[in-house]
Amino acid sequence: MKRLTSIASLSLLLLAGCSAQPTTPTAETVGGIITVSGKIVALDQASRELTVEGPDGNRTQLHAGDEVRNFNKIHVGDSLEVDYLEAVTVSLEPAGSDEPGAYRKEDGAVAKRGHKPGVAATDVVTIVATVIAVDTAHNTLTVRGPEGRAVKLDVREPEHQAKLGQVKVGELLKVVFTDAAAVAIRPKNA
């Protein structure tokens, strides 16, 4: 339910960027990449534990699972860098252009044998819901979610309310959540 509430809130925030013209669907994305860096200050090869110190002096202990290849190539003094992407894309699509539902795609990669350890993972969740009612008098949009339940969304921002009349019953509200992370270890002399 928490994720559905997030979908509703973000969908409405982005509605102003959506077009009701079925031949040219538009999408708007909100999100960004956060990069966290640190230096490995302690390492236990046997337990696969490492301690990373950030630029502000805070320390965090991490466990490298078996999926982290080449753990023996990590050394105290190496740099650890994590790029984390979190984004939400919302679009209004023409009726019949997609199948309503909820879809998930996960992917990942690990470092090649013999290289410095690294790992990347992505998780993409797509929700496609059919617009079943538009109420410009009360500034609401109602969609039928993946489980067949009707969800009424409040359109609160005046600029979004002004575009609400362009949304047509039958169109599809498509919300794509993307989470991705990449972890890289760099030698201390790099």
N, C-alpha and C. Protein backbone atom coordinates (compact mmCIF):
# COMPACT_ATOMS: atom_id res chain seq x y z
N MET A 1 0.83 -1.19 0.00
CA MET A 1 0.00 0.00 0.00
C MET A 1 0.87 1.25 0.00
N LYS A 2 2.01 1.21 0.69
CA LYS A 2 2.90 2.35 0.75
C LYS A 2 3.41 2.69 -0.65
N ARG A 3 3.76 1.66 -1.43
CA ARG A 3 4.26 1.90 -2.78
C ARG A 3 3.15 2.48 -3.66
N LEU A 4 1.89 2.03 -3.48
CA LEU A 4 0.78 2.54 -4.26
C LEU A 4 0.55 4.01 -3.92
N THR A 5 0.69 4.38 -2.65
CA THR A 5 0.56 5.77 -2.26
C THR A 5 1.65 6.60 -2.91
N SER A 6 2.86 6.07 -2.95
CA SER A 6 3.96 6.76 -3.62
C SER A 6 3.67 6.93 -5.09
N ILE A 7 3.11 5.90 -5.71
CA ILE A 7 2.76 5.97 -7.13
C ILE A 7 1.78 7.11 -7.33
N ALA A 8 0.76 7.15 -6.50
CA ALA A 8 -0.27 8.17 -6.65
C ALA A 8 0.32 9.57 -6.49
N SER A 9 1.10 9.77 -5.47
CA SER A 9 1.68 11.09 -5.22
C SER A 9 2.59 11.52 -6.36
N LEU A 10 3.49 10.63 -6.77
CA LEU A 10 4.41 10.98 -7.84
C LEU A 10 3.70 11.12 -9.17
N SER A 11 2.71 10.31 -9.41
CA SER A 11 1.95 10.41 -10.66
C SER A 11 1.33 11.79 -10.78
N LEU A 12 0.76 12.26 -9.70
CA LEU A 12 0.10 13.55 -9.74
C LEU A 12 1.10 14.69 -9.83
N LEU A 13 2.23 14.55 -9.21
CA LEU A 13 3.25 15.57 -9.31
C LEU A 13 3.73 15.72 -10.75
N LEU A 14 3.73 14.63 -11.48
CA LEU A 14 4.27 14.65 -12.82
C LEU A 14 3.22 14.81 -13.90
N LEU A 15 1.97 14.84 -13.54
CA LEU A 15 0.90 14.89 -14.53
C LEU A 15 1.03 16.09 -15.46
N ALA A 16 1.57 17.17 -14.99
CA ALA A 16 1.71 18.36 -15.83
C ALA A 16 2.59 18.10 -17.04
N GLY A 17 3.49 17.17 -16.93
CA GLY A 17 4.37 16.86 -18.05
C GLY A 17 3.77 15.86 -19.02
N CYS A 18 2.59 15.35 -18.74
CA CYS A 18 1.97 14.34 -19.58
C CYS A 18 1.09 14.99 -20.62
N SER A 19 0.98 14.38 -21.77
CA SER A 19 0.15 14.87 -22.85
C SER A 19 -0.99 13.90 -23.09
N ALA A 20 -2.16 14.41 -23.39
CA ALA A 20 -3.29 13.55 -23.67
C ALA A 20 -3.39 13.20 -25.15
N GLN A 21 -2.49 13.67 -25.95
CA GLN A 21 -2.54 13.36 -27.37
C GLN A 21 -1.96 11.98 -27.59
N PRO A 22 -2.79 11.03 -28.06
CA PRO A 22 -2.39 9.64 -28.13
C PRO A 22 -1.22 9.36 -29.07
N THR A 23 -0.97 10.21 -30.04
CA THR A 23 0.11 9.92 -30.98
C THR A 23 1.48 10.30 -30.44
N THR A 24 1.53 11.13 -29.43
CA THR A 24 2.82 11.57 -28.92
C THR A 24 2.86 11.50 -27.40
N PRO A 25 2.91 10.29 -26.83
CA PRO A 25 2.98 10.22 -25.37
C PRO A 25 4.28 10.84 -24.88
N THR A 26 4.20 11.53 -23.75
CA THR A 26 5.40 12.11 -23.15
C THR A 26 5.62 11.49 -21.79
N ALA A 27 6.81 11.58 -21.34
CA ALA A 27 7.16 11.03 -20.03
C ALA A 27 7.98 12.07 -19.30
N GLU A 28 7.88 12.03 -18.00
CA GLU A 28 8.68 12.91 -17.17
C GLU A 28 9.32 12.06 -16.08
N THR A 29 10.58 12.31 -15.84
CA THR A 29 11.32 11.53 -14.85
C THR A 29 11.81 12.43 -13.73
N VAL A 30 11.68 11.93 -12.52
CA VAL A 30 12.20 12.60 -11.33
C VAL A 30 13.14 11.60 -10.66
N GLY A 31 14.29 12.07 -10.26
CA GLY A 31 15.23 11.19 -9.56
C GLY A 31 16.64 11.68 -9.76
N GLY A 32 17.56 10.85 -9.42
CA GLY A 32 18.95 11.22 -9.59
C GLY A 32 19.89 10.15 -9.09
N ILE A 33 21.16 10.45 -9.28
CA ILE A 33 22.22 9.53 -8.87
C ILE A 33 22.92 10.11 -7.64
N ILE A 34 23.10 9.26 -6.67
CA ILE A 34 23.86 9.62 -5.48
C ILE A 34 25.13 8.79 -5.50
N THR A 35 26.27 9.42 -5.31
CA THR A 35 27.54 8.71 -5.24
C THR A 35 28.09 8.82 -3.83
N VAL A 36 28.42 7.68 -3.27
CA VAL A 36 29.00 7.63 -1.93
C VAL A 36 30.38 7.03 -2.07
N SER A 37 31.37 7.70 -1.49
CA SER A 37 32.74 7.22 -1.58
C SER A 37 33.31 7.00 -0.19
N GLY A 38 34.29 6.15 -0.14
CA GLY A 38 34.98 5.91 1.12
C GLY A 38 36.28 5.16 0.89
N LYS A 39 37.00 4.98 1.97
CA LYS A 39 38.28 4.27 1.91
C LYS A 39 38.18 3.06 2.82
N ILE A 40 38.70 1.94 2.36
CA ILE A 40 38.70 0.72 3.16
C ILE A 40 39.79 0.87 4.22
N VAL A 41 39.38 0.83 5.50
CA VAL A 41 40.33 1.04 6.60
C VAL A 41 40.58 -0.24 7.39
N ALA A 42 39.75 -1.25 7.21
CA ALA A 42 39.96 -2.54 7.87
C ALA A 42 39.36 -3.62 6.99
N LEU A 43 39.98 -4.81 7.05
CA LEU A 43 39.56 -5.89 6.17
C LEU A 43 39.84 -7.23 6.83
N ASP A 44 38.85 -8.12 6.82
CA ASP A 44 39.00 -9.48 7.33
C ASP A 44 38.65 -10.44 6.20
N GLN A 45 39.67 -11.01 5.58
CA GLN A 45 39.46 -11.90 4.43
C GLN A 45 38.65 -13.13 4.82
N ALA A 46 38.90 -13.68 5.99
CA ALA A 46 38.22 -14.91 6.39
C ALA A 46 36.71 -14.72 6.55
N SER A 47 36.30 -13.63 7.18
CA SER A 47 34.87 -13.40 7.38
C SER A 47 34.25 -12.56 6.26
N ARG A 48 35.09 -12.08 5.34
CA ARG A 48 34.65 -11.23 4.21
C ARG A 48 34.02 -9.93 4.71
N GLU A 49 34.54 -9.41 5.79
CA GLU A 49 34.07 -8.14 6.36
C GLU A 49 35.07 -7.05 6.02
N LEU A 50 34.54 -5.86 5.72
CA LEU A 50 35.42 -4.73 5.51
C LEU A 50 34.81 -3.51 6.16
N THR A 51 35.66 -2.61 6.61
CA THR A 51 35.21 -1.37 7.23
C THR A 51 35.58 -0.24 6.29
N VAL A 52 34.59 0.59 5.99
CA VAL A 52 34.78 1.71 5.07
C VAL A 52 34.61 3.01 5.85
N GLU A 53 35.54 3.93 5.63
CA GLU A 53 35.46 5.25 6.25
C GLU A 53 35.11 6.28 5.19
N GLY A 54 34.05 7.04 5.46
CA GLY A 54 33.61 8.07 4.52
C GLY A 54 34.41 9.34 4.68
N PRO A 55 34.18 10.31 3.81
CA PRO A 55 34.93 11.56 3.84
C PRO A 55 34.75 12.34 5.14
N ASP A 56 33.63 12.11 5.84
CA ASP A 56 33.37 12.82 7.10
C ASP A 56 33.89 12.07 8.32
N GLY A 57 34.57 10.93 8.09
CA GLY A 57 35.13 10.15 9.19
C GLY A 57 34.22 9.07 9.73
N ASN A 58 32.98 9.01 9.30
CA ASN A 58 32.07 7.95 9.75
C ASN A 58 32.52 6.62 9.17
N ARG A 59 32.38 5.58 9.97
CA ARG A 59 32.79 4.25 9.53
C ARG A 59 31.57 3.33 9.47
N THR A 60 31.59 2.45 8.46
CA THR A 60 30.54 1.47 8.26
C THR A 60 31.18 0.13 7.99
N GLN A 61 30.67 -0.90 8.66
CA GLN A 61 31.17 -2.25 8.41
C GLN A 61 30.24 -2.93 7.42
N LEU A 62 30.83 -3.55 6.41
CA LEU A 62 30.08 -4.22 5.35
C LEU A 62 30.50 -5.67 5.25
N HIS A 63 29.56 -6.51 4.83
CA HIS A 63 29.86 -7.92 4.57
C HIS A 63 29.76 -8.13 3.06
N ALA A 64 30.78 -8.73 2.46
CA ALA A 64 30.76 -9.04 1.03
C ALA A 64 30.33 -10.49 0.88
N GLY A 65 29.15 -10.69 0.31
CA GLY A 65 28.63 -12.03 0.11
C GLY A 65 29.44 -12.81 -0.92
N ASP A 66 29.08 -14.06 -1.10
CA ASP A 66 29.80 -14.93 -2.04
C ASP A 66 29.71 -14.45 -3.48
N GLU A 67 28.67 -13.63 -3.79
CA GLU A 67 28.54 -13.13 -5.15
C GLU A 67 29.61 -12.10 -5.50
N VAL A 68 30.29 -11.56 -4.48
CA VAL A 68 31.38 -10.61 -4.73
C VAL A 68 32.63 -11.42 -5.04
N ARG A 69 32.94 -11.45 -6.33
CA ARG A 69 34.13 -12.20 -6.78
C ARG A 69 35.40 -11.42 -6.49
N ASN A 70 36.50 -12.14 -6.45
CA ASN A 70 37.84 -11.54 -6.34
C ASN A 70 38.03 -10.74 -5.05
N PHE A 71 37.35 -11.18 -3.99
CA PHE A 71 37.45 -10.47 -2.72
C PHE A 71 38.91 -10.39 -2.25
N ASN A 72 39.70 -11.38 -2.62
CA ASN A 72 41.11 -11.40 -2.20
C ASN A 72 41.92 -10.28 -2.84
N LYS A 73 41.38 -9.58 -3.80
CA LYS A 73 42.09 -8.47 -4.44
C LYS A 73 41.82 -7.13 -3.76
N ILE A 74 40.99 -7.14 -2.72
CA ILE A 74 40.71 -5.91 -1.98
C ILE A 74 41.78 -5.74 -0.91
N HIS A 75 42.23 -4.49 -0.73
CA HIS A 75 43.28 -4.19 0.26
C HIS A 75 42.89 -2.96 1.07
N VAL A 76 43.42 -2.89 2.28
CA VAL A 76 43.25 -1.68 3.09
C VAL A 76 43.86 -0.53 2.31
N GLY A 77 43.14 0.58 2.27
CA GLY A 77 43.59 1.75 1.53
C GLY A 77 42.89 1.90 0.18
N ASP A 78 42.28 0.82 -0.32
CA ASP A 78 41.54 0.92 -1.58
C ASP A 78 40.32 1.82 -1.38
N SER A 79 39.87 2.41 -2.48
CA SER A 79 38.67 3.25 -2.46
C SER A 79 37.46 2.41 -2.83
N LEU A 80 36.35 2.71 -2.17
CA LEU A 80 35.08 2.06 -2.48
C LEU A 80 34.14 3.17 -2.96
N GLU A 81 33.51 2.94 -4.08
CA GLU A 81 32.58 3.92 -4.62
C GLU A 81 31.27 3.24 -4.95
N VAL A 82 30.17 3.82 -4.48
CA VAL A 82 28.85 3.28 -4.75
C VAL A 82 28.03 4.37 -5.45
N ASP A 83 27.54 4.04 -6.64
CA ASP A 83 26.62 4.92 -7.36
C ASP A 83 25.24 4.32 -7.20
N TYR A 84 24.29 5.13 -6.74
CA TYR A 84 22.94 4.65 -6.53
C TYR A 84 21.98 5.55 -7.29
N LEU A 85 21.17 4.94 -8.15
CA LEU A 85 20.18 5.67 -8.93
C LEU A 85 18.80 5.30 -8.45
N GLU A 86 17.99 6.31 -8.22
CA GLU A 86 16.59 6.08 -7.88
C GLU A 86 15.80 7.07 -8.73
N ALA A 87 14.88 6.54 -9.54
CA ALA A 87 14.11 7.41 -10.43
C ALA A 87 12.70 6.89 -10.60
N VAL A 88 11.80 7.81 -10.88
CA VAL A 88 10.41 7.48 -11.19
C VAL A 88 10.07 8.19 -12.49
N THR A 89 9.56 7.43 -13.44
CA THR A 89 9.12 8.00 -14.71
C THR A 89 7.62 7.79 -14.83
N VAL A 90 6.91 8.86 -15.16
CA VAL A 90 5.46 8.80 -15.31
C VAL A 90 5.11 9.24 -16.72
N SER A 91 4.22 8.49 -17.36
CA SER A 91 3.75 8.88 -18.69
C SER A 91 2.28 8.54 -18.83
N LEU A 92 1.65 9.23 -19.74
CA LEU A 92 0.27 8.96 -20.09
C LEU A 92 0.32 8.39 -21.50
N GLU A 93 -0.14 7.15 -21.65
CA GLU A 93 -0.03 6.43 -22.91
C GLU A 93 -1.40 6.27 -23.55
N PRO A 94 -1.43 6.13 -24.87
CA PRO A 94 -2.72 5.92 -25.54
C PRO A 94 -3.40 4.63 -25.08
N ALA A 95 -4.73 4.64 -25.11
CA ALA A 95 -5.50 3.44 -24.78
C ALA A 95 -5.07 2.30 -25.69
N GLY A 96 -4.90 1.11 -25.12
CA GLY A 96 -4.55 -0.07 -25.90
C GLY A 96 -3.09 -0.20 -26.26
N SER A 97 -2.25 0.75 -25.88
CA SER A 97 -0.84 0.70 -26.25
C SER A 97 -0.01 -0.21 -25.36
N ASP A 98 -0.55 -0.61 -24.24
CA ASP A 98 0.17 -1.48 -23.31
C ASP A 98 -0.86 -2.31 -22.55
N GLU A 99 -0.41 -3.33 -21.89
CA GLU A 99 -1.28 -4.20 -21.09
C GLU A 99 -1.27 -3.71 -19.65
N PRO A 100 -2.44 -3.33 -19.09
CA PRO A 100 -2.45 -2.93 -17.68
C PRO A 100 -1.92 -4.05 -16.79
N GLY A 101 -1.19 -3.68 -15.75
CA GLY A 101 -0.65 -4.66 -14.82
C GLY A 101 0.54 -4.12 -14.07
N ALA A 102 1.20 -5.00 -13.35
CA ALA A 102 2.42 -4.68 -12.61
C ALA A 102 3.51 -5.63 -13.07
N TYR A 103 4.66 -5.09 -13.39
CA TYR A 103 5.75 -5.88 -13.95
C TYR A 103 7.04 -5.55 -13.22
N ARG A 104 7.90 -6.56 -13.07
CA ARG A 104 9.18 -6.35 -12.40
C ARG A 104 10.28 -7.01 -13.22
N LYS A 105 11.40 -6.30 -13.33
CA LYS A 105 12.57 -6.84 -14.02
C LYS A 105 13.79 -6.54 -13.16
N GLU A 106 14.53 -7.60 -12.86
CA GLU A 106 15.76 -7.46 -12.07
C GLU A 106 16.93 -7.93 -12.92
N ASP A 107 18.05 -7.29 -12.74
CA ASP A 107 19.25 -7.67 -13.48
C ASP A 107 20.46 -7.36 -12.62
N GLY A 108 21.55 -7.99 -12.93
CA GLY A 108 22.77 -7.75 -12.16
C GLY A 108 23.99 -8.23 -12.90
N ALA A 109 25.14 -7.78 -12.43
CA ALA A 109 26.41 -8.19 -13.00
C ALA A 109 27.46 -8.18 -11.90
N VAL A 110 28.44 -9.05 -12.06
CA VAL A 110 29.57 -9.08 -11.11
C VAL A 110 30.86 -8.94 -11.89
N ALA A 111 31.92 -8.62 -11.18
CA ALA A 111 33.21 -8.44 -11.81
C ALA A 111 33.69 -9.75 -12.44
N LYS A 112 34.46 -9.62 -13.51
CA LYS A 112 35.05 -10.80 -14.14
C LYS A 112 36.14 -11.35 -13.23
N ARG A 113 36.35 -12.63 -13.33
CA ARG A 113 37.41 -13.26 -12.53
C ARG A 113 38.74 -12.60 -12.84
N GLY A 114 39.49 -12.32 -11.77
CA GLY A 114 40.80 -11.71 -11.92
C GLY A 114 40.78 -10.19 -11.86
N HIS A 115 39.63 -9.57 -11.95
CA HIS A 115 39.52 -8.12 -11.88
C HIS A 115 39.20 -7.68 -10.45
N LYS A 116 39.28 -6.37 -10.22
CA LYS A 116 38.89 -5.84 -8.92
C LYS A 116 37.41 -6.15 -8.68
N PRO A 117 37.02 -6.40 -7.44
CA PRO A 117 35.63 -6.70 -7.14
C PRO A 117 34.72 -5.53 -7.51
N GLY A 118 33.55 -5.88 -7.96
CA GLY A 118 32.54 -4.89 -8.30
C GLY A 118 31.24 -5.62 -8.53
N VAL A 119 30.16 -4.91 -8.37
CA VAL A 119 28.85 -5.50 -8.58
C VAL A 119 27.89 -4.40 -9.01
N ALA A 120 26.93 -4.77 -9.83
CA ALA A 120 25.89 -3.83 -10.25
C ALA A 120 24.55 -4.56 -10.23
N ALA A 121 23.51 -3.85 -9.88
CA ALA A 121 22.18 -4.46 -9.83
C ALA A 121 21.13 -3.42 -10.21
N THR A 122 20.10 -3.86 -10.91
CA THR A 122 18.98 -2.98 -11.23
C THR A 122 17.67 -3.68 -10.88
N ASP A 123 16.71 -2.88 -10.49
CA ASP A 123 15.37 -3.37 -10.18
C ASP A 123 14.41 -2.35 -10.79
N VAL A 124 13.61 -2.80 -11.75
CA VAL A 124 12.66 -1.91 -12.43
C VAL A 124 11.25 -2.46 -12.22
N VAL A 125 10.40 -1.64 -11.61
CA VAL A 125 9.00 -2.02 -11.39
C VAL A 125 8.14 -1.06 -12.22
N THR A 126 7.27 -1.64 -13.04
CA THR A 126 6.39 -0.85 -13.90
C THR A 126 4.93 -1.14 -13.52
N ILE A 127 4.19 -0.08 -13.33
CA ILE A 127 2.76 -0.18 -13.05
C ILE A 127 2.03 0.50 -14.21
N VAL A 128 1.09 -0.21 -14.82
CA VAL A 128 0.27 0.36 -15.89
C VAL A 128 -1.18 0.28 -15.42
N ALA A 129 -1.82 1.45 -15.31
CA ALA A 129 -3.20 1.52 -14.81
C ALA A 129 -4.06 2.29 -15.81
N THR A 130 -5.29 1.84 -15.98
CA THR A 130 -6.22 2.47 -16.92
C THR A 130 -6.96 3.62 -16.25
N VAL A 131 -7.01 4.77 -16.92
CA VAL A 131 -7.78 5.91 -16.43
C VAL A 131 -9.26 5.58 -16.62
N ILE A 132 -10.03 5.58 -15.52
CA ILE A 132 -11.45 5.24 -15.62
C ILE A 132 -12.36 6.44 -15.32
N ALA A 133 -11.79 7.53 -14.77
CA ALA A 133 -12.59 8.73 -14.54
C ALA A 133 -11.67 9.93 -14.37
N VAL A 134 -12.14 11.07 -14.88
CA VAL A 134 -11.45 12.35 -14.73
C VAL A 134 -12.50 13.33 -14.21
N ASP A 135 -12.24 13.93 -13.06
CA ASP A 135 -13.18 14.87 -12.46
C ASP A 135 -12.48 16.21 -12.28
N THR A 136 -12.67 17.10 -13.26
CA THR A 136 -12.00 18.40 -13.20
C THR A 136 -12.62 19.30 -12.13
N ALA A 137 -13.89 19.08 -11.79
CA ALA A 137 -14.54 19.89 -10.76
C ALA A 137 -13.93 19.64 -9.38
N HIS A 138 -13.55 18.39 -9.13
CA HIS A 138 -12.97 18.03 -7.83
C HIS A 138 -11.47 17.74 -7.91
N ASN A 139 -10.90 17.95 -9.12
CA ASN A 139 -9.46 17.74 -9.33
C ASN A 139 -8.99 16.36 -8.91
N THR A 140 -9.68 15.34 -9.46
CA THR A 140 -9.28 13.97 -9.20
C THR A 140 -9.17 13.19 -10.49
N LEU A 141 -8.38 12.16 -10.43
CA LEU A 141 -8.17 11.22 -11.53
C LEU A 141 -8.33 9.84 -10.91
N THR A 142 -9.16 8.99 -11.51
CA THR A 142 -9.36 7.64 -10.98
C THR A 142 -8.80 6.65 -11.97
N VAL A 143 -7.99 5.72 -11.47
CA VAL A 143 -7.39 4.67 -12.31
C VAL A 143 -7.75 3.31 -11.75
N ARG A 144 -7.77 2.32 -12.64
CA ARG A 144 -7.97 0.94 -12.22
C ARG A 144 -6.58 0.32 -12.15
N GLY A 145 -6.16 -0.05 -10.95
CA GLY A 145 -4.83 -0.58 -10.73
C GLY A 145 -4.67 -2.01 -11.20
N PRO A 146 -3.47 -2.56 -11.07
CA PRO A 146 -3.16 -3.90 -11.54
C PRO A 146 -4.02 -5.00 -10.93
N GLU A 147 -4.51 -4.80 -9.73
CA GLU A 147 -5.34 -5.81 -9.07
C GLU A 147 -6.83 -5.56 -9.30
N GLY A 148 -7.16 -4.63 -10.21
CA GLY A 148 -8.54 -4.37 -10.54
C GLY A 148 -9.26 -3.40 -9.63
N ARG A 149 -8.56 -2.86 -8.67
CA ARG A 149 -9.15 -1.93 -7.70
C ARG A 149 -9.08 -0.50 -8.23
N ALA A 150 -10.16 0.25 -8.07
CA ALA A 150 -10.16 1.66 -8.47
C ALA A 150 -9.46 2.49 -7.40
N VAL A 151 -8.58 3.39 -7.85
CA VAL A 151 -7.85 4.26 -6.94
C VAL A 151 -8.06 5.70 -7.41
N LYS A 152 -8.59 6.53 -6.51
CA LYS A 152 -8.82 7.95 -6.82
C LYS A 152 -7.60 8.74 -6.37
N LEU A 153 -7.07 9.52 -7.28
CA LEU A 153 -5.87 10.30 -7.02
C LEU A 153 -6.24 11.79 -6.98
N ASP A 154 -5.83 12.48 -5.95
CA ASP A 154 -6.05 13.92 -5.84
C ASP A 154 -4.98 14.66 -6.62
N VAL A 155 -5.41 15.62 -7.44
CA VAL A 155 -4.47 16.48 -8.17
C VAL A 155 -4.43 17.79 -7.40
N ARG A 156 -3.31 18.07 -6.75
CA ARG A 156 -3.25 19.19 -5.81
C ARG A 156 -2.60 20.44 -6.38
N GLU A 157 -1.64 20.29 -7.24
CA GLU A 157 -0.91 21.45 -7.75
C GLU A 157 -1.72 22.15 -8.84
N PRO A 158 -1.85 23.48 -8.77
CA PRO A 158 -2.64 24.23 -9.76
C PRO A 158 -2.19 23.98 -11.21
N GLU A 159 -0.90 23.89 -11.45
CA GLU A 159 -0.43 23.66 -12.83
C GLU A 159 -0.83 22.27 -13.33
N HIS A 160 -0.96 21.31 -12.43
CA HIS A 160 -1.41 19.97 -12.80
C HIS A 160 -2.93 19.96 -12.99
N GLN A 161 -3.62 20.69 -12.15
CA GLN A 161 -5.07 20.79 -12.27
C GLN A 161 -5.46 21.39 -13.62
N ALA A 162 -4.69 22.36 -14.10
CA ALA A 162 -4.98 23.01 -15.37
C ALA A 162 -4.90 22.03 -16.54
N LYS A 163 -4.09 20.99 -16.43
CA LYS A 163 -3.93 20.01 -17.51
C LYS A 163 -4.82 18.78 -17.35
N LEU A 164 -5.50 18.69 -16.24
CA LEU A 164 -6.30 17.50 -15.96
C LEU A 164 -7.39 17.27 -17.02
N GLY A 165 -7.96 18.34 -17.57
CA GLY A 165 -9.00 18.22 -18.59
C GLY A 165 -8.51 17.59 -19.89
N GLN A 166 -7.18 17.51 -20.09
CA GLN A 166 -6.62 16.89 -21.30
C GLN A 166 -6.55 15.37 -21.18
N VAL A 167 -6.67 14.85 -19.98
CA VAL A 167 -6.58 13.41 -19.76
C VAL A 167 -7.91 12.77 -20.16
N LYS A 168 -7.83 11.67 -20.92
CA LYS A 168 -9.03 11.00 -21.42
C LYS A 168 -9.22 9.64 -20.75
N VAL A 169 -10.48 9.29 -20.48
CA VAL A 169 -10.82 7.97 -19.96
C VAL A 169 -10.33 6.93 -20.97
N GLY A 170 -9.71 5.87 -20.48
CA GLY A 170 -9.19 4.81 -21.33
C GLY A 170 -7.69 4.90 -21.53
N GLU A 171 -7.13 6.10 -21.38
CA GLU A 171 -5.68 6.22 -21.50
C GLU A 171 -5.03 5.47 -20.35
N LEU A 172 -3.75 5.24 -20.49
CA LEU A 172 -3.01 4.46 -19.50
C LEU A 172 -2.02 5.35 -18.76
N LEU A 173 -2.06 5.27 -17.45
CA LEU A 173 -1.07 5.94 -16.62
C LEU A 173 0.02 4.90 -16.36
N LYS A 174 1.22 5.20 -16.81
CA LYS A 174 2.34 4.26 -16.67
C LYS A 174 3.38 4.87 -15.74
N VAL A 175 3.71 4.14 -14.68
CA VAL A 175 4.69 4.61 -13.70
C VAL A 175 5.80 3.56 -13.62
N VAL A 176 7.04 4.01 -13.83
CA VAL A 176 8.18 3.11 -13.82
C VAL A 176 9.13 3.55 -12.70
N PHE A 177 9.36 2.64 -11.75
CA PHE A 177 10.32 2.87 -10.66
C PHE A 177 11.62 2.16 -11.03
N THR A 178 12.73 2.88 -10.98
CA THR A 178 14.02 2.29 -11.28
C THR A 178 14.95 2.49 -10.09
N ASP A 179 15.49 1.40 -9.59
CA ASP A 179 16.53 1.43 -8.56
C ASP A 179 17.73 0.72 -9.16
N ALA A 180 18.90 1.33 -9.07
CA ALA A 180 20.11 0.69 -9.59
C ALA A 180 21.27 1.08 -8.69
N ALA A 181 22.20 0.16 -8.53
CA ALA A 181 23.39 0.42 -7.73
C ALA A 181 24.59 -0.21 -8.40
N ALA A 182 25.70 0.47 -8.34
CA ALA A 182 26.96 -0.06 -8.85
C ALA A 182 28.02 0.19 -7.79
N VAL A 183 28.77 -0.85 -7.46
CA VAL A 183 29.83 -0.75 -6.47
C VAL A 183 31.14 -1.05 -7.16
N ALA A 184 32.12 -0.19 -6.95
CA ALA A 184 33.44 -0.40 -7.55
C ALA A 184 34.51 -0.20 -6.48
N ILE A 185 35.55 -1.01 -6.56
CA ILE A 185 36.72 -0.89 -5.69
C ILE A 185 37.87 -0.42 -6.56
N ARG A 186 38.56 0.61 -6.11
CA ARG A 186 39.70 1.11 -6.86
C ARG A 186 40.95 1.01 -5.99
N PRO A 187 42.06 0.55 -6.58
CA PRO A 187 43.29 0.44 -5.80
C PRO A 187 43.69 1.78 -5.19
N LYS A 188 44.40 1.72 -4.05
CA LYS A 188 44.75 2.96 -3.35
C LYS A 188 45.63 3.89 -4.18
N ASN A 189 46.35 3.37 -5.15
CA ASN A 189 47.23 4.21 -5.96
C ASN A 189 46.57 4.69 -7.24
N ALA A 190 45.29 4.37 -7.43
CA ALA A 190 44.62 4.75 -8.70
C ALA A 190 44.13 6.18 -8.66
